[in-house]
Amino acid sequence: MIELKNLNIILTGATGGLGGAILDKLYVSNANIIATGTNEEKLSKIKEKYKNILIKKFDISDHPSVEKFINDCGNHFQNKIDVLINNAGITRDNLTIRMKEDEWLKVINLNLTSTFLLSKNVIKKMLKQKNGKIINITSVVGHTGNIGQANYAASKAGIVGMSKSMALEYGKKNIKINCISPGFIKSEMTDKISETFKQQLEEKIALDRFGDPEDVANVALFLSSSLSDYITGETIHVNGGMYFS
């Protein structure tokens, strides 16, 4: 079992299926956790389930508040933030010629710009401690593209390029920045897909099935731990062989 005792970790998007799986892995590994989301009902359930973690309702698209949020997290952790996991994200799907500017901007602003601002402000903390890790959750569609998701694919591809640049900038300060790129993972969203379309998708996957949230959470756990201390600027694909980089 990977042990994360004494590591201080911030996880965004903790109320989603993927975020919940990551949170569970971090919790059983004894990390100190600040978990965020915007759904109050789901945050309350998380608070009931997990003891000794700090739950914060925070909208990462509120860009003027990001610096204060990171500072508050730093104060809670006695100014030591070991890992930031940028997991929160949204979709606003539409074909390109039908996509409204607002649909484009909302996805880019939350998925890409918010990830940039959270990373920027946590890096300031990590520079002082000369150590730290940032894990960005991207998507296979950031590499392959997808019909009706020009905005989402652009935001996720942007995160990959941004992460590589940051890894180059701060590697000498012992700050490691990596991405996890999930493929089709079982979730409330994929549960709504028709069986016919699901079969078509599975035919494109070498392992012939959708992944489980735990498959992604296992990689997040690995990248948070000391086992990944010589890895930076990389994207680990968790897609069952749907796409090979």
C-alpha atoms as a PDB file:
ATOM      1  CA  MET A   1       0.000   0.000   0.000  1.00  0.00           C
ATOM      2  CA  ILE A   2       1.252   3.480  -0.884  1.00  0.00           C
ATOM      3  CA  GLU A   3       1.551   5.660   2.204  1.00  0.00           C
ATOM      4  CA  LEU A   4       0.997   9.442   2.017  1.00  0.00           C
ATOM      5  CA  LYS A   5       1.185  10.205   5.721  1.00  0.00           C
ATOM      6  CA  ASN A   6       2.175  13.834   6.471  1.00  0.00           C
ATOM      7  CA  LEU A   7       1.539  14.930   2.867  1.00  0.00           C
ATOM      8  CA  ASN A   8      -0.759  17.947   2.488  1.00  0.00           C
ATOM      9  CA  ILE A   9      -2.946  17.644  -0.619  1.00  0.00           C
ATOM     10  CA  ILE A  10      -5.525  19.903  -2.281  1.00  0.00           C
ATOM     11  CA  LEU A  11      -8.087  18.150  -4.500  1.00  0.00           C
ATOM     12  CA  THR A  12     -10.542  20.087  -6.660  1.00  0.00           C
ATOM     13  CA  GLY A  13     -13.712  18.578  -8.089  1.00  0.00           C
ATOM     14  CA  ALA A  14     -14.037  16.144  -5.201  1.00  0.00           C
ATOM     15  CA  THR A  15     -17.802  15.712  -5.603  1.00  0.00           C
ATOM     16  CA  GLY A  16     -17.650  14.000  -9.015  1.00  0.00           C
ATOM     17  CA  GLY A  17     -17.202  10.280  -9.626  1.00  0.00           C
ATOM     18  CA  LEU A  18     -13.538  10.618 -10.532  1.00  0.00           C
ATOM     19  CA  GLY A  19     -12.869  13.092  -7.730  1.00  0.00           C
ATOM     20  CA  GLY A  20     -14.566  10.793  -5.240  1.00  0.00           C
ATOM     21  CA  ALA A  21     -12.387   7.862  -6.265  1.00  0.00           C
ATOM     22  CA  ILE A  22      -9.222   9.970  -5.958  1.00  0.00           C
ATOM     23  CA  LEU A  23     -10.361  11.287  -2.576  1.00  0.00           C
ATOM     24  CA  ASP A  24     -10.925   7.750  -1.309  1.00  0.00           C
ATOM     25  CA  LYS A  25      -7.419   6.656  -2.357  1.00  0.00           C
ATOM     26  CA  LEU A  26      -5.823   9.690  -0.715  1.00  0.00           C
ATOM     27  CA  TYR A  27      -7.829   9.179   2.462  1.00  0.00           C
ATOM     28  CA  VAL A  28      -6.953   5.508   2.977  1.00  0.00           C
ATOM     29  CA  SER A  29      -3.298   6.443   2.332  1.00  0.00           C
ATOM     30  CA  ASN A  30      -3.445   8.824   5.317  1.00  0.00           C
ATOM     31  CA  ALA A  31      -2.878  12.086   3.456  1.00  0.00           C
ATOM     32  CA  ASN A  32      -3.960  15.413   4.916  1.00  0.00           C
ATOM     33  CA  ILE A  33      -6.626  16.619   2.491  1.00  0.00           C
ATOM     34  CA  ILE A  34      -8.511  19.755   1.524  1.00  0.00           C
ATOM     35  CA  ALA A  35     -11.340  18.731  -0.814  1.00  0.00           C
ATOM     36  CA  THR A  36     -13.337  21.244  -2.844  1.00  0.00           C
ATOM     37  CA  GLY A  37     -16.465  21.347  -4.964  1.00  0.00           C
ATOM     38  CA  THR A  38     -19.557  23.462  -5.551  1.00  0.00           C
ATOM     39  CA  ASN A  39     -22.390  21.009  -4.814  1.00  0.00           C
ATOM     40  CA  GLU A  40     -23.313  21.576  -1.165  1.00  0.00           C
ATOM     41  CA  GLU A  41     -25.331  18.367  -0.847  1.00  0.00           C
ATOM     42  CA  LYS A  42     -22.483  16.224  -2.139  1.00  0.00           C
ATOM     43  CA  LEU A  43     -19.937  18.105  -0.033  1.00  0.00           C
ATOM     44  CA  SER A  44     -22.035  17.378   3.065  1.00  0.00           C
ATOM     45  CA  LYS A  45     -22.035  13.668   2.223  1.00  0.00           C
ATOM     46  CA  ILE A  46     -18.253  13.733   1.818  1.00  0.00           C
ATOM     47  CA  LYS A  47     -17.933  15.421   5.199  1.00  0.00           C
ATOM     48  CA  GLU A  48     -20.044  12.680   6.802  1.00  0.00           C
ATOM     49  CA  LYS A  49     -18.060   9.894   5.120  1.00  0.00           C
ATOM     50  CA  TYR A  50     -14.541  11.152   5.701  1.00  0.00           C
ATOM     51  CA  LYS A  51     -13.284  12.390   9.037  1.00  0.00           C
ATOM     52  CA  ASN A  52     -10.348  14.728   9.605  1.00  0.00           C
ATOM     53  CA  ILE A  53     -10.372  16.316   6.152  1.00  0.00           C
ATOM     54  CA  LEU A  54     -11.266  19.921   5.375  1.00  0.00           C
ATOM     55  CA  ILE A  55     -14.192  20.432   3.005  1.00  0.00           C
ATOM     56  CA  LYS A  56     -14.286  23.759   1.185  1.00  0.00           C
ATOM     57  CA  LYS A  57     -17.044  24.963  -1.098  1.00  0.00           C
ATOM     58  CA  PHE A  58     -15.141  26.816  -3.808  1.00  0.00           C
ATOM     59  CA  ASP A  59     -15.905  27.672  -7.410  1.00  0.00           C
ATOM     60  CA  ILE A  60     -12.573  27.550  -9.238  1.00  0.00           C
ATOM     61  CA  SER A  61     -14.009  29.758 -12.001  1.00  0.00           C
ATOM     62  CA  ASP A  62     -14.071  32.620  -9.470  1.00  0.00           C
ATOM     63  CA  HIS A  63     -10.646  33.725 -10.628  1.00  0.00           C
ATOM     64  CA  PRO A  64     -10.231  36.795  -8.376  1.00  0.00           C
ATOM     65  CA  SER A  65     -10.628  34.479  -5.357  1.00  0.00           C
ATOM     66  CA  VAL A  66      -8.077  31.847  -6.383  1.00  0.00           C
ATOM     67  CA  GLU A  67      -5.084  33.486  -4.701  1.00  0.00           C
ATOM     68  CA  LYS A  68      -6.974  33.832  -1.408  1.00  0.00           C
ATOM     69  CA  PHE A  69      -8.165  30.229  -1.662  1.00  0.00           C
ATOM     70  CA  ILE A  70      -4.594  28.949  -2.042  1.00  0.00           C
ATOM     71  CA  ASN A  71      -3.392  31.214   0.766  1.00  0.00           C
ATOM     72  CA  ASP A  72      -6.157  29.904   3.039  1.00  0.00           C
ATOM     73  CA  CYS A  73      -5.165  26.335   2.187  1.00  0.00           C
ATOM     74  CA  GLY A  74      -1.550  27.184   2.919  1.00  0.00           C
ATOM     75  CA  ASN A  75      -2.493  28.625   6.307  1.00  0.00           C
ATOM     76  CA  HIS A  76      -4.493  25.502   7.147  1.00  0.00           C
ATOM     77  CA  PHE A  77      -1.484  23.346   6.238  1.00  0.00           C
ATOM     78  CA  GLN A  78       1.025  25.542   8.119  1.00  0.00           C
ATOM     79  CA  ASN A  79       2.336  26.898   4.794  1.00  0.00           C
ATOM     80  CA  LYS A  80       3.263  23.490   3.374  1.00  0.00           C
ATOM     81  CA  ILE A  81       1.335  22.291   0.310  1.00  0.00           C
ATOM     82  CA  ASP A  82       2.808  19.081  -1.074  1.00  0.00           C
ATOM     83  CA  VAL A  83       0.369  18.201  -3.870  1.00  0.00           C
ATOM     84  CA  LEU A  84      -2.288  19.996  -5.895  1.00  0.00           C
ATOM     85  CA  ILE A  85      -4.633  17.803  -7.942  1.00  0.00           C
ATOM     86  CA  ASN A  86      -6.523  19.848 -10.536  1.00  0.00           C
ATOM     87  CA  ASN A  87      -9.470  17.564 -11.206  1.00  0.00           C
ATOM     88  CA  ALA A  88     -12.478  19.898 -11.550  1.00  0.00           C
ATOM     89  CA  GLY A  89     -13.818  20.472 -15.052  1.00  0.00           C
ATOM     90  CA  ILE A  90     -16.961  21.029 -17.113  1.00  0.00           C
ATOM     91  CA  THR A  91     -18.315  20.306 -20.582  1.00  0.00           C
ATOM     92  CA  ARG A  92     -20.570  22.405 -22.806  1.00  0.00           C
ATOM     93  CA  ASP A  93     -20.816  20.261 -25.925  1.00  0.00           C
ATOM     94  CA  ASN A  94     -21.928  21.533 -29.306  1.00  0.00           C
ATOM     95  CA  LEU A  95     -20.877  21.323 -32.938  1.00  0.00           C
ATOM     96  CA  THR A  96     -18.421  24.072 -33.840  1.00  0.00           C
ATOM     97  CA  ILE A  97     -20.732  26.135 -36.058  1.00  0.00           C
ATOM     98  CA  ARG A  98     -23.458  25.970 -33.405  1.00  0.00           C
ATOM     99  CA  MET A  99     -21.186  26.593 -30.434  1.00  0.00           C
ATOM    100  CA  LYS A 100     -21.896  29.900 -28.752  1.00  0.00           C
ATOM    101  CA  GLU A 101     -19.002  32.041 -27.609  1.00  0.00           C
ATOM    102  CA  ASP A 102     -20.271  31.653 -24.050  1.00  0.00           C
ATOM    103  CA  GLU A 103     -20.044  27.845 -24.339  1.00  0.00           C
ATOM    104  CA  TRP A 104     -16.472  28.177 -25.573  1.00  0.00           C
ATOM    105  CA  LEU A 105     -15.395  30.667 -22.918  1.00  0.00           C
ATOM    106  CA  LYS A 106     -16.965  28.871 -19.935  1.00  0.00           C
ATOM    107  CA  VAL A 107     -15.107  25.647 -20.712  1.00  0.00           C
ATOM    108  CA  ILE A 108     -11.784  27.352 -21.475  1.00  0.00           C
ATOM    109  CA  ASN A 109     -12.039  29.614 -18.419  1.00  0.00           C
ATOM    110  CA  LEU A 110     -12.847  26.860 -15.947  1.00  0.00           C
ATOM    111  CA  ASN A 111     -10.846  23.943 -17.347  1.00  0.00           C
ATOM    112  CA  LEU A 112      -7.741  25.765 -18.555  1.00  0.00           C
ATOM    113  CA  THR A 113      -7.526  29.239 -17.001  1.00  0.00           C
ATOM    114  CA  SER A 114      -8.565  28.064 -13.538  1.00  0.00           C
ATOM    115  CA  THR A 115      -5.996  25.256 -13.687  1.00  0.00           C
ATOM    116  CA  PHE A 116      -3.368  27.822 -14.662  1.00  0.00           C
ATOM    117  CA  LEU A 117      -4.253  30.182 -11.798  1.00  0.00           C
ATOM    118  CA  LEU A 118      -4.430  27.439  -9.178  1.00  0.00           C
ATOM    119  CA  SER A 119      -1.077  26.082 -10.352  1.00  0.00           C
ATOM    120  CA  LYS A 120       0.513  29.533 -10.514  1.00  0.00           C
ATOM    121  CA  ASN A 121      -0.451  30.368  -6.952  1.00  0.00           C
ATOM    122  CA  VAL A 122       0.464  26.987  -5.489  1.00  0.00           C
ATOM    123  CA  ILE A 123       3.845  27.108  -7.258  1.00  0.00           C
ATOM    124  CA  LYS A 124       4.597  30.301  -5.306  1.00  0.00           C
ATOM    125  CA  LYS A 125       4.162  28.269  -2.109  1.00  0.00           C
ATOM    126  CA  MET A 126       6.139  25.312  -3.426  1.00  0.00           C
ATOM    127  CA  LEU A 127       9.063  27.520  -4.458  1.00  0.00           C
ATOM    128  CA  LYS A 128       9.567  28.524  -0.831  1.00  0.00           C
ATOM    129  CA  GLN A 129       9.630  24.905   0.310  1.00  0.00           C
ATOM    130  CA  LYS A 130      11.644  23.819  -2.780  1.00  0.00           C
ATOM    131  CA  ASN A 131       9.388  20.838  -3.311  1.00  0.00           C
ATOM    132  CA  GLY A 132       5.925  19.969  -4.575  1.00  0.00           C
ATOM    133  CA  LYS A 133       3.765  18.200  -7.123  1.00  0.00           C
ATOM    134  CA  ILE A 134       0.923  19.259  -9.385  1.00  0.00           C
ATOM    135  CA  ILE A 135      -1.277  16.636 -11.039  1.00  0.00           C
ATOM    136  CA  ASN A 136      -3.590  17.824 -13.801  1.00  0.00           C
ATOM    137  CA  ILE A 137      -6.482  15.654 -14.978  1.00  0.00           C
ATOM    138  CA  THR A 138      -6.842  16.031 -18.738  1.00  0.00           C
ATOM    139  CA  SER A 139      -8.668  13.757 -21.227  1.00  0.00           C
ATOM    140  CA  VAL A 140      -8.029  11.489 -24.177  1.00  0.00           C
ATOM    141  CA  VAL A 141     -10.030  13.909 -26.348  1.00  0.00           C
ATOM    142  CA  GLY A 142      -7.319  16.497 -25.776  1.00  0.00           C
ATOM    143  CA  HIS A 143      -5.132  14.202 -27.914  1.00  0.00           C
ATOM    144  CA  THR A 144      -7.649  12.725 -30.342  1.00  0.00           C
ATOM    145  CA  GLY A 145     -10.303  15.436 -30.627  1.00  0.00           C
ATOM    146  CA  ASN A 146     -14.000  14.598 -30.447  1.00  0.00           C
ATOM    147  CA  ILE A 147     -17.101  15.606 -32.358  1.00  0.00           C
ATOM    148  CA  GLY A 148     -18.975  18.358 -30.546  1.00  0.00           C
ATOM    149  CA  GLN A 149     -16.167  19.035 -28.087  1.00  0.00           C
ATOM    150  CA  ALA A 150     -13.889  21.583 -29.734  1.00  0.00           C
ATOM    151  CA  ASN A 151     -13.946  23.675 -26.556  1.00  0.00           C
ATOM    152  CA  TYR A 152     -13.342  20.759 -24.182  1.00  0.00           C
ATOM    153  CA  ALA A 153     -10.618  19.206 -26.351  1.00  0.00           C
ATOM    154  CA  ALA A 154      -8.871  22.579 -26.658  1.00  0.00           C
ATOM    155  CA  SER A 155      -8.972  23.111 -22.895  1.00  0.00           C
ATOM    156  CA  LYS A 156      -7.522  19.682 -22.154  1.00  0.00           C
ATOM    157  CA  ALA A 157      -4.842  19.891 -24.860  1.00  0.00           C
ATOM    158  CA  GLY A 158      -3.934  23.301 -23.457  1.00  0.00           C
ATOM    159  CA  ILE A 159      -3.424  21.816 -20.010  1.00  0.00           C
ATOM    160  CA  VAL A 160      -0.940  19.302 -21.425  1.00  0.00           C
ATOM    161  CA  GLY A 161       1.155  21.997 -23.122  1.00  0.00           C
ATOM    162  CA  MET A 162       0.946  24.240 -20.093  1.00  0.00           C
ATOM    163  CA  SER A 163       2.037  21.428 -17.775  1.00  0.00           C
ATOM    164  CA  LYS A 164       5.089  20.662 -19.906  1.00  0.00           C
ATOM    165  CA  SER A 165       6.104  24.325 -19.865  1.00  0.00           C
ATOM    166  CA  MET A 166       5.685  24.588 -16.101  1.00  0.00           C
ATOM    167  CA  ALA A 167       7.645  21.359 -15.611  1.00  0.00           C
ATOM    168  CA  LEU A 168      10.549  22.889 -17.525  1.00  0.00           C
ATOM    169  CA  GLU A 169      10.335  26.164 -15.612  1.00  0.00           C
ATOM    170  CA  TYR A 170      10.310  24.677 -12.114  1.00  0.00           C
ATOM    171  CA  GLY A 171      12.025  21.296 -12.325  1.00  0.00           C
ATOM    172  CA  LYS A 172      15.230  22.711 -10.878  1.00  0.00           C
ATOM    173  CA  LYS A 173      13.218  23.781  -7.837  1.00  0.00           C
ATOM    174  CA  ASN A 174      12.096  20.155  -7.362  1.00  0.00           C
ATOM    175  CA  ILE A 175       8.513  20.866  -8.410  1.00  0.00           C
ATOM    176  CA  LYS A 176       7.075  18.041 -10.508  1.00  0.00           C
ATOM    177  CA  ILE A 177       4.100  18.664 -12.812  1.00  0.00           C
ATOM    178  CA  ASN A 178       2.334  15.834 -14.626  1.00  0.00           C
ATOM    179  CA  CYS A 179      -0.968  14.984 -16.290  1.00  0.00           C
ATOM    180  CA  ILE A 180      -3.314  12.028 -16.155  1.00  0.00           C
ATOM    181  CA  SER A 181      -5.352  11.570 -19.326  1.00  0.00           C
ATOM    182  CA  PRO A 182      -8.401   9.325 -18.783  1.00  0.00           C
ATOM    183  CA  GLY A 183     -10.282   7.688 -21.623  1.00  0.00           C
ATOM    184  CA  PHE A 184     -13.891   6.565 -21.232  1.00  0.00           C
ATOM    185  CA  ILE A 185     -14.419   5.957 -17.520  1.00  0.00           C
ATOM    186  CA  LYS A 186     -17.614   4.614 -15.945  1.00  0.00           C
ATOM    187  CA  SER A 187     -19.622   7.511 -14.560  1.00  0.00           C
ATOM    188  CA  GLU A 188     -23.123   8.969 -14.342  1.00  0.00           C
ATOM    189  CA  MET A 189     -22.463  10.473 -17.768  1.00  0.00           C
ATOM    190  CA  THR A 190     -21.452   7.207 -19.456  1.00  0.00           C
ATOM    191  CA  ASP A 191     -24.368   5.406 -17.777  1.00  0.00           C
ATOM    192  CA  LYS A 192     -26.670   7.526 -19.942  1.00  0.00           C
ATOM    193  CA  ILE A 193     -25.049   6.332 -23.181  1.00  0.00           C
ATOM    194  CA  SER A 194     -27.161   3.888 -25.165  1.00  0.00           C
ATOM    195  CA  GLU A 195     -25.959   0.288 -25.259  1.00  0.00           C
ATOM    196  CA  THR A 196     -25.510   0.480 -29.038  1.00  0.00           C
ATOM    197  CA  PHE A 197     -23.255   3.534 -28.846  1.00  0.00           C
ATOM    198  CA  LYS A 198     -21.445   2.080 -25.842  1.00  0.00           C
ATOM    199  CA  GLN A 199     -20.610  -1.021 -27.879  1.00  0.00           C
ATOM    200  CA  GLN A 200     -19.272   1.155 -30.697  1.00  0.00           C
ATOM    201  CA  LEU A 201     -17.022   2.976 -28.247  1.00  0.00           C
ATOM    202  CA  GLU A 202     -15.806  -0.225 -26.613  1.00  0.00           C
ATOM    203  CA  GLU A 203     -14.788  -1.563 -30.029  1.00  0.00           C
ATOM    204  CA  LYS A 204     -12.258   1.276 -30.213  1.00  0.00           C
ATOM    205  CA  ILE A 205     -10.708   0.266 -26.885  1.00  0.00           C
ATOM    206  CA  ALA A 206      -8.061  -2.484 -26.900  1.00  0.00           C
ATOM    207  CA  LEU A 207      -9.234  -3.819 -23.518  1.00  0.00           C
ATOM    208  CA  ASP A 208     -12.834  -3.819 -24.820  1.00  0.00           C
ATOM    209  CA  ARG A 209     -14.370  -2.036 -21.826  1.00  0.00           C
ATOM    210  CA  PHE A 210     -14.732   1.304 -20.078  1.00  0.00           C
ATOM    211  CA  GLY A 211     -12.392   1.997 -17.198  1.00  0.00           C
ATOM    212  CA  ASP A 212     -13.314   2.390 -13.539  1.00  0.00           C
ATOM    213  CA  PRO A 213     -12.737   5.651 -11.617  1.00  0.00           C
ATOM    214  CA  GLU A 214     -10.351   3.665  -9.420  1.00  0.00           C
ATOM    215  CA  ASP A 215      -8.080   3.090 -12.435  1.00  0.00           C
ATOM    216  CA  VAL A 216      -7.457   6.834 -12.634  1.00  0.00           C
ATOM    217  CA  ALA A 217      -7.294   7.232  -8.852  1.00  0.00           C
ATOM    218  CA  ASN A 218      -4.507   4.645  -8.669  1.00  0.00           C
ATOM    219  CA  VAL A 219      -2.350   6.776 -10.973  1.00  0.00           C
ATOM    220  CA  ALA A 220      -3.142   9.924  -8.969  1.00  0.00           C
ATOM    221  CA  LEU A 221      -2.010   8.066  -5.848  1.00  0.00           C
ATOM    222  CA  PHE A 222       1.228   6.992  -7.561  1.00  0.00           C
ATOM    223  CA  LEU A 223       2.004  10.503  -8.827  1.00  0.00           C
ATOM    224  CA  SER A 224       1.326  11.956  -5.369  1.00  0.00           C
ATOM    225  CA  SER A 225       3.788   9.562  -3.758  1.00  0.00           C
ATOM    226  CA  SER A 226       7.567   9.441  -3.599  1.00  0.00           C
ATOM    227  CA  LEU A 227       7.479   6.568  -6.123  1.00  0.00           C
ATOM    228  CA  SER A 228       7.104   9.186  -8.883  1.00  0.00           C
ATOM    229  CA  ASP A 229       9.829  11.578  -7.728  1.00  0.00           C
ATOM    230  CA  TYR A 230      11.779  11.315 -11.005  1.00  0.00           C
ATOM    231  CA  ILE A 231       8.796  11.927 -13.278  1.00  0.00           C
ATOM    232  CA  THR A 232       7.838  15.381 -14.543  1.00  0.00           C
ATOM    233  CA  GLY A 233       6.318  16.884 -17.682  1.00  0.00           C
ATOM    234  CA  GLU A 234       4.638  13.600 -18.534  1.00  0.00           C
ATOM    235  CA  THR A 235       1.107  12.531 -19.408  1.00  0.00           C
ATOM    236  CA  ILE A 236       0.030   9.103 -18.208  1.00  0.00           C
ATOM    237  CA  HIS A 237      -2.779   7.729 -20.355  1.00  0.00           C
ATOM    238  CA  VAL A 238      -5.465   5.655 -18.627  1.00  0.00           C
ATOM    239  CA  ASN A 239      -7.661   4.638 -21.548  1.00  0.00           C
ATOM    240  CA  GLY A 240      -7.453   0.875 -21.923  1.00  0.00           C
ATOM    241  CA  GLY A 241      -5.673   1.184 -25.254  1.00  0.00           C
ATOM    242  CA  MET A 242      -8.111   3.558 -26.927  1.00  0.00           C
ATOM    243  CA  TYR A 243      -5.212   5.831 -27.805  1.00  0.00           C
ATOM    244  CA  PHE A 244      -1.439   5.303 -27.780  1.00  0.00           C
ATOM    245  CA  SER A 245       0.774   8.365 -27.381  1.00  0.00           C
END
